[in-house]
Amino acid sequence: MTFEFHPEARIEFIEAIVYYERCRKGLGVRLSREVYATINRVTRGPNAWPKISENTRRCLTRRFPYGVIYEVRQNDFGGDSPEYQQISGLEFRNVE
């Protein structure tokens, strides 16, 4: 299963990394790793996380106050099996 960031989400993610890195050296790297670990959990089980609207779900990070909001879409190959779906439009949101 593949994923891509929504362009605004990518900017928000980078800004959060920079912010945390300024707070404490290495903290931005930890945030980045945590978000990618969350994305990995989503790609392994995209339907495991609660829906927040008809088409979107959210998986919270474990160590930071953020969530990955995503939508599972069929890719150009079609089909209903997981290998024919992709996670598209990831949004990175502060959940405070």
N, C-alpha and C. Protein backbone atom coordinates (compact mmCIF):
# COMPACT_ATOMS: atom_id res chain seq x y z
N MET A 1 0.85 -1.16 0.00
CA MET A 1 0.00 0.00 0.00
C MET A 1 0.90 1.23 0.00
N THR A 2 0.54 2.22 -0.77
CA THR A 2 1.34 3.43 -0.87
C THR A 2 0.62 4.59 -0.20
N PHE A 3 1.34 5.68 0.00
CA PHE A 3 0.71 6.87 0.56
C PHE A 3 1.37 8.10 -0.04
N GLU A 4 0.65 9.20 0.05
CA GLU A 4 1.21 10.48 -0.34
C GLU A 4 0.64 11.54 0.59
N PHE A 5 1.42 12.55 0.87
CA PHE A 5 0.95 13.66 1.68
C PHE A 5 0.15 14.63 0.84
N HIS A 6 -0.90 15.17 1.41
CA HIS A 6 -1.57 16.33 0.83
C HIS A 6 -0.53 17.45 0.89
N PRO A 7 -0.42 18.31 -0.14
CA PRO A 7 0.61 19.35 -0.14
C PRO A 7 0.61 20.23 1.12
N GLU A 8 -0.56 20.63 1.59
CA GLU A 8 -0.62 21.44 2.80
C GLU A 8 -0.19 20.66 4.03
N ALA A 9 -0.49 19.37 4.04
CA ALA A 9 -0.09 18.53 5.17
C ALA A 9 1.43 18.39 5.22
N ARG A 10 2.06 18.29 4.06
CA ARG A 10 3.52 18.18 4.02
C ARG A 10 4.15 19.44 4.62
N ILE A 11 3.61 20.60 4.26
CA ILE A 11 4.13 21.86 4.81
C ILE A 11 3.93 21.91 6.32
N GLU A 12 2.74 21.55 6.78
CA GLU A 12 2.45 21.53 8.21
C GLU A 12 3.38 20.58 8.96
N PHE A 13 3.64 19.43 8.37
CA PHE A 13 4.53 18.43 8.96
C PHE A 13 5.94 18.99 9.10
N ILE A 14 6.45 19.58 8.05
CA ILE A 14 7.81 20.15 8.08
C ILE A 14 7.90 21.27 9.10
N GLU A 15 6.89 22.12 9.15
CA GLU A 15 6.88 23.21 10.14
C GLU A 15 6.89 22.66 11.57
N ALA A 16 6.15 21.59 11.80
CA ALA A 16 6.13 20.98 13.14
C ALA A 16 7.49 20.40 13.49
N ILE A 17 8.14 19.77 12.54
CA ILE A 17 9.49 19.22 12.77
C ILE A 17 10.44 20.34 13.15
N VAL A 18 10.42 21.43 12.40
CA VAL A 18 11.30 22.57 12.68
C VAL A 18 11.01 23.14 14.07
N TYR A 19 9.72 23.29 14.39
CA TYR A 19 9.34 23.82 15.70
C TYR A 19 9.90 22.96 16.83
N TYR A 20 9.68 21.65 16.76
CA TYR A 20 10.14 20.76 17.83
C TYR A 20 11.66 20.71 17.89
N GLU A 21 12.31 20.80 16.75
CA GLU A 21 13.76 20.79 16.73
C GLU A 21 14.32 22.05 17.40
N ARG A 22 13.63 23.17 17.22
CA ARG A 22 14.04 24.41 17.88
C ARG A 22 13.83 24.33 19.39
N CYS A 23 12.80 23.60 19.80
CA CYS A 23 12.52 23.44 21.23
C CYS A 23 13.62 22.63 21.91
N ARG A 24 14.03 21.56 21.24
CA ARG A 24 15.08 20.70 21.79
C ARG A 24 15.71 19.91 20.66
N LYS A 25 17.01 19.94 20.60
CA LYS A 25 17.72 19.22 19.55
C LYS A 25 17.35 17.74 19.57
N GLY A 26 16.98 17.23 18.40
CA GLY A 26 16.61 15.83 18.26
C GLY A 26 15.12 15.57 18.38
N LEU A 27 14.37 16.53 18.94
CA LEU A 27 12.94 16.31 19.14
C LEU A 27 12.18 16.32 17.81
N GLY A 28 12.62 17.16 16.87
CA GLY A 28 12.00 17.17 15.54
C GLY A 28 12.18 15.84 14.83
N VAL A 29 13.36 15.25 14.99
CA VAL A 29 13.62 13.93 14.39
C VAL A 29 12.72 12.89 15.02
N ARG A 30 12.53 12.97 16.33
CA ARG A 30 11.63 12.03 17.01
C ARG A 30 10.19 12.17 16.51
N LEU A 31 9.76 13.41 16.30
CA LEU A 31 8.43 13.63 15.76
C LEU A 31 8.30 13.00 14.38
N SER A 32 9.28 13.23 13.54
CA SER A 32 9.26 12.67 12.19
C SER A 32 9.16 11.15 12.23
N ARG A 33 9.97 10.53 13.06
CA ARG A 33 9.93 9.06 13.19
C ARG A 33 8.57 8.58 13.69
N GLU A 34 8.01 9.31 14.64
CA GLU A 34 6.71 8.94 15.19
C GLU A 34 5.61 9.03 14.13
N VAL A 35 5.63 10.09 13.34
CA VAL A 35 4.62 10.24 12.29
C VAL A 35 4.76 9.13 11.26
N TYR A 36 5.99 8.82 10.85
CA TYR A 36 6.17 7.74 9.87
C TYR A 36 5.81 6.38 10.46
N ALA A 37 6.02 6.18 11.76
CA ALA A 37 5.57 4.94 12.40
C ALA A 37 4.04 4.86 12.39
N THR A 38 3.39 6.00 12.58
CA THR A 38 1.93 6.05 12.53
C THR A 38 1.44 5.74 11.13
N ILE A 39 2.09 6.32 10.13
CA ILE A 39 1.74 6.04 8.74
C ILE A 39 1.93 4.56 8.43
N ASN A 40 2.98 3.96 8.97
CA ASN A 40 3.22 2.53 8.77
C ASN A 40 2.08 1.70 9.36
N ARG A 41 1.61 2.09 10.56
CA ARG A 41 0.47 1.38 11.15
C ARG A 41 -0.76 1.51 10.26
N VAL A 42 -0.97 2.69 9.70
CA VAL A 42 -2.12 2.92 8.83
C VAL A 42 -2.02 2.07 7.57
N THR A 43 -0.85 2.01 6.96
CA THR A 43 -0.72 1.26 5.71
C THR A 43 -0.90 -0.24 5.93
N ARG A 44 -0.57 -0.73 7.14
CA ARG A 44 -0.76 -2.16 7.43
C ARG A 44 -2.22 -2.51 7.73
N GLY A 45 -2.98 -1.54 8.23
CA GLY A 45 -4.38 -1.82 8.56
C GLY A 45 -5.22 -0.57 8.42
N PRO A 46 -5.43 -0.11 7.21
CA PRO A 46 -6.10 1.18 7.01
C PRO A 46 -7.52 1.27 7.56
N ASN A 47 -8.20 0.16 7.72
CA ASN A 47 -9.57 0.20 8.23
C ASN A 47 -9.65 0.03 9.74
N ALA A 48 -8.50 -0.06 10.39
CA ALA A 48 -8.47 -0.28 11.84
C ALA A 48 -8.74 0.98 12.65
N TRP A 49 -8.61 2.12 12.05
CA TRP A 49 -8.69 3.38 12.79
C TRP A 49 -10.07 4.01 12.62
N PRO A 50 -10.52 4.76 13.62
CA PRO A 50 -11.89 5.27 13.59
C PRO A 50 -12.13 6.29 12.47
N LYS A 51 -13.34 6.21 11.95
CA LYS A 51 -13.77 7.18 10.95
C LYS A 51 -14.06 8.51 11.64
N ILE A 52 -13.70 9.59 10.97
CA ILE A 52 -14.06 10.92 11.48
C ILE A 52 -15.01 11.62 10.52
N SER A 53 -15.21 11.01 9.36
CA SER A 53 -16.24 11.44 8.42
C SER A 53 -16.53 10.24 7.53
N GLU A 54 -17.38 10.41 6.55
CA GLU A 54 -17.74 9.28 5.70
C GLU A 54 -16.54 8.66 4.99
N ASN A 55 -15.59 9.49 4.56
CA ASN A 55 -14.47 9.00 3.76
C ASN A 55 -13.12 9.07 4.43
N THR A 56 -13.04 9.62 5.63
CA THR A 56 -11.73 9.79 6.26
C THR A 56 -11.66 9.11 7.61
N ARG A 57 -10.43 8.75 7.97
CA ARG A 57 -10.13 8.13 9.25
C ARG A 57 -8.96 8.87 9.88
N ARG A 58 -8.76 8.64 11.18
CA ARG A 58 -7.64 9.28 11.87
C ARG A 58 -6.95 8.29 12.78
N CYS A 59 -5.64 8.29 12.68
CA CYS A 59 -4.79 7.49 13.56
C CYS A 59 -3.91 8.46 14.34
N LEU A 60 -4.01 8.42 15.66
CA LEU A 60 -3.23 9.33 16.50
C LEU A 60 -1.81 8.82 16.68
N THR A 61 -0.87 9.76 16.76
CA THR A 61 0.50 9.39 17.10
C THR A 61 0.52 8.99 18.56
N ARG A 62 1.53 8.25 18.96
CA ARG A 62 1.58 7.76 20.34
C ARG A 62 2.26 8.74 21.30
N ARG A 63 3.23 9.51 20.81
CA ARG A 63 4.03 10.34 21.72
C ARG A 63 3.89 11.84 21.51
N PHE A 64 3.19 12.25 20.49
CA PHE A 64 3.02 13.67 20.20
C PHE A 64 1.53 13.95 20.00
N PRO A 65 1.11 15.20 20.21
CA PRO A 65 -0.33 15.51 20.09
C PRO A 65 -0.77 15.74 18.64
N TYR A 66 -0.53 14.75 17.80
CA TYR A 66 -0.88 14.86 16.39
C TYR A 66 -1.60 13.60 15.94
N GLY A 67 -2.35 13.76 14.87
CA GLY A 67 -3.01 12.63 14.24
C GLY A 67 -2.78 12.66 12.75
N VAL A 68 -2.79 11.50 12.14
CA VAL A 68 -2.70 11.38 10.70
C VAL A 68 -4.11 11.12 10.19
N ILE A 69 -4.63 12.06 9.43
CA ILE A 69 -5.96 11.94 8.85
C ILE A 69 -5.78 11.47 7.41
N TYR A 70 -6.53 10.43 7.03
CA TYR A 70 -6.30 9.85 5.72
C TYR A 70 -7.59 9.33 5.10
N GLU A 71 -7.50 9.10 3.82
CA GLU A 71 -8.60 8.53 3.05
C GLU A 71 -8.01 7.39 2.21
N VAL A 72 -8.67 6.26 2.21
CA VAL A 72 -8.23 5.14 1.39
C VAL A 72 -8.96 5.23 0.06
N ARG A 73 -8.18 5.25 -1.01
CA ARG A 73 -8.75 5.35 -2.35
C ARG A 73 -8.25 4.21 -3.21
N GLN A 74 -9.07 3.84 -4.17
CA GLN A 74 -8.65 2.85 -5.16
C GLN A 74 -7.67 3.52 -6.10
N ASN A 75 -6.63 2.79 -6.48
CA ASN A 75 -5.72 3.39 -7.45
C ASN A 75 -6.18 3.05 -8.86
N ASP A 76 -5.39 3.39 -9.83
CA ASP A 76 -5.77 3.22 -11.23
C ASP A 76 -5.96 1.76 -11.65
N PHE A 77 -5.44 0.82 -10.86
CA PHE A 77 -5.56 -0.59 -11.23
C PHE A 77 -6.93 -1.15 -10.86
N GLY A 78 -7.65 -0.47 -9.99
CA GLY A 78 -8.97 -0.94 -9.58
C GLY A 78 -8.90 -2.12 -8.64
N GLY A 79 -10.04 -2.71 -8.38
CA GLY A 79 -10.09 -3.86 -7.49
C GLY A 79 -10.35 -3.45 -6.05
N ASP A 80 -10.76 -4.41 -5.24
CA ASP A 80 -11.10 -4.12 -3.86
C ASP A 80 -10.07 -4.63 -2.86
N SER A 81 -9.10 -5.39 -3.30
CA SER A 81 -8.14 -5.93 -2.35
C SER A 81 -7.12 -4.86 -1.96
N PRO A 82 -6.53 -4.99 -0.76
CA PRO A 82 -5.62 -3.95 -0.27
C PRO A 82 -4.48 -3.61 -1.21
N GLU A 83 -3.98 -4.58 -1.97
CA GLU A 83 -2.87 -4.29 -2.87
C GLU A 83 -3.28 -3.37 -4.01
N TYR A 84 -4.57 -3.14 -4.17
CA TYR A 84 -5.05 -2.25 -5.22
C TYR A 84 -5.62 -0.96 -4.65
N GLN A 85 -5.22 -0.63 -3.44
CA GLN A 85 -5.67 0.62 -2.82
C GLN A 85 -4.46 1.43 -2.41
N GLN A 86 -4.67 2.70 -2.26
CA GLN A 86 -3.61 3.54 -1.73
C GLN A 86 -4.19 4.53 -0.73
N ILE A 87 -3.37 4.92 0.19
CA ILE A 87 -3.78 5.96 1.13
C ILE A 87 -3.38 7.27 0.49
N SER A 88 -4.35 8.12 0.33
CA SER A 88 -4.10 9.36 -0.38
C SER A 88 -4.52 10.55 0.45
N GLY A 89 -3.85 11.65 0.27
CA GLY A 89 -4.24 12.88 0.93
C GLY A 89 -4.04 12.86 2.43
N LEU A 90 -2.90 12.38 2.90
CA LEU A 90 -2.63 12.38 4.34
C LEU A 90 -2.63 13.81 4.86
N GLU A 91 -3.28 14.02 5.97
CA GLU A 91 -3.25 15.32 6.64
C GLU A 91 -2.67 15.13 8.01
N PHE A 92 -1.85 16.04 8.38
CA PHE A 92 -1.17 16.01 9.67
C PHE A 92 -1.81 17.10 10.52
N ARG A 93 -2.45 16.73 11.61
CA ARG A 93 -3.20 17.71 12.40
C ARG A 93 -2.85 17.63 13.88
N ASN A 94 -2.70 18.81 14.48
CA ASN A 94 -2.50 18.90 15.91
C ASN A 94 -3.84 18.61 16.57
N VAL A 95 -3.88 17.74 17.54
CA VAL A 95 -5.14 17.33 18.16
C VAL A 95 -5.31 17.88 19.57
N GLU A 96 -4.58 18.92 19.91
CA GLU A 96 -4.71 19.53 21.24
C GLU A 96 -6.04 20.22 21.38
